[in-house]
Amino acid sequence: MSFGRETEVRKLRLLSIAAHYGLVEALDSGSAWKQVMALVRRIPTDSLPCPIKYTTRHIKMIEDAGEKQKRSCAEIFLEEWGCSGRKRPTLADLLNLLKEAELYKAADYVAIKLLKESRPSRPSFGPAAEVLVPLELLNRKCVVPTAPPAPNPAAQFEKVYSGDLPEDEPAKVPENIPMVCVRTGEKKDFVESIKIEQQQATVPIEQIYNSRKTPQHILYDKLRAVTNDFDCNPVGENNGRLLGKGAFGTVHLAIEDNVLTAVKRLNVEVIDIDRLFQNELEALLRLEHPNLLRMVAYSNDGPEKCLVYEYMSQGNLEERLSCKGRWSIPLTYSLRLKIALGVSVGLQHLHEHQDPPLVHRDVKSANILLDKDLIPKLGDFGLVRLGDSSYGDASVMLTSTVFGTSVYMAPEAMRGEVTVKIDVFSIGVVLLELLTGLSPYDADGDGLDLVTYIMEVCDVEAQPIDSLLDGKAGNWKSEQGTDLSKPLLDLALECLEDKDKRPVMSDVVQKLRTIIDL
């Protein structure tokens, strides 16, 4: 059976089960459905010319439904999209999205198998460009060399470790281990190596904390002692030491001789946790800025790897905006503006410190920590990657693994793109939190994320901005009586634009300075 370009996607299953499941299989391959879903747009409006229809929250909902129902996520997506909107999506719409996402295997299926059209043309250059092989090479007989026999791992192990050392002499880790860059796989020079000494004497935390030199190794047993065996009772309850916990581990308060530090103990069950440890360690060794969290020590001689940071006594921004528990006193609008500027300056340094730039990939209010003077510091560098600056024509860096927190993730981040613009999107979400005081995960009390709530439920053009503001912050007026909330909301929405329309962090910093000076 053949179909027309105007055949609605929702009717495909009724017309041909085979065609429907062929399409589902093509979209399931490599989770192509996610890339298509991230490109689907709503009907244009004056305020939003091409608004994105689905957020990362919707993608997560489909993944959860697929796991619960034991069904294909691509099939669930086609059902949802196919029945949405006044004008139902057609096979032509689907084909256009597949070509836009450069998913040519699925595009070939729609064009050739379903529409009986010619194969969609490929770009002339780039990852999706065709590789043409001369005919004579195809006709040439190829001799495949016989692979040498695989070495026996057990024999190699015995060769290295059996009888090479005296029985009474313990094996020692080499004093200097070359640090392998987790992004490129290249070995660093000896000078850049991290010195790891498992037999070194324990250094007092106070001495480490007051030192501005390279963070030192500290014994795991020492960290156990100063955190009360990594006590998991929350700080403030039963002399507890737990400051927070997340997907990658827990953070505990360490106390020694009245010196306070925060110890992040990484969860050994997390996939690739060694890479995340090395990633954060490497990033923090090269970065120093007043608005980036300082690491003072690390430990890798115990069952869990640990990182030791300066203690931030005023908690994180997410906690402070919630005004719950010990953080009942709200942050004023002037403090919120200073926090927005501080974290933006730190992120600008991260982006501009080197070329190619470093991309944080997990900017969120929970990772913005406040010291005793309420100076913000951006933390949690485990997901930092080299990326494309997006200032020029450099190609976009891609990753096959999508990490981060979905509410804060730009649409292109779900497709594996790594550019500085994904951090800008996240800052836009943080600015909305500062303005509204609403939870980024549940803005309306019914599970709707903050970006969707602002973009789809609230008419930001017609609705008075006062109805969106967090009343606990004050009146958002400068000393001259100028409204500061509207330009801040405009900046937040600008950060949430499509990638090409988003500003870079230097522009965000400049606009924040202008708002503060009004």
Foldseek 3Di string as FASTA:
>chain_A
DADAQLAFLQCPCVVPVVLNVVLLVLCLVLVVLLQLLLQDFDPADPVRRTHRDDFLVVVVVLVVVCVVVVHRSSSVSSNVQQPDDPRGHGLNNVLVSCVVSLSQVSNQCSACVHNVHDRDDFDCDDPSHDDDDDPVVVVDDDDDDDDDDDDDPVVVVCVVPPPPDPPVDDDFDPQWDFQQDPFPRDTDDSVLTDGDGQPDDADDVVVLVPDPDQAEAHEPVVQCVQQVNVFPDDPPPPNHFWQAADDFFTWGWGDDPNAIKIKTWGDPPDPPSVLLVSQQSSLLRLDDDPQAWHWRHWYDPDPTTMTITHDAVLAFQLVLLLCDDPNVQHAALLLLLQQLLQNLVVLLCQPPVDPLGKAQLADARNQWGAHPVGRTHGYRRSPIDRFHAPPDDDDWDFDSDQDYDRLLAASVSSVGTDYNLRVLSSSLLVLLCSFQSADQQQRPVPRDGDVCCCPPVNPVVPDPSVVRGDVSNDDCADPVRHRLNVLSNVLSVQSNDPSVRHDGSVVVSVSSVVSSVD
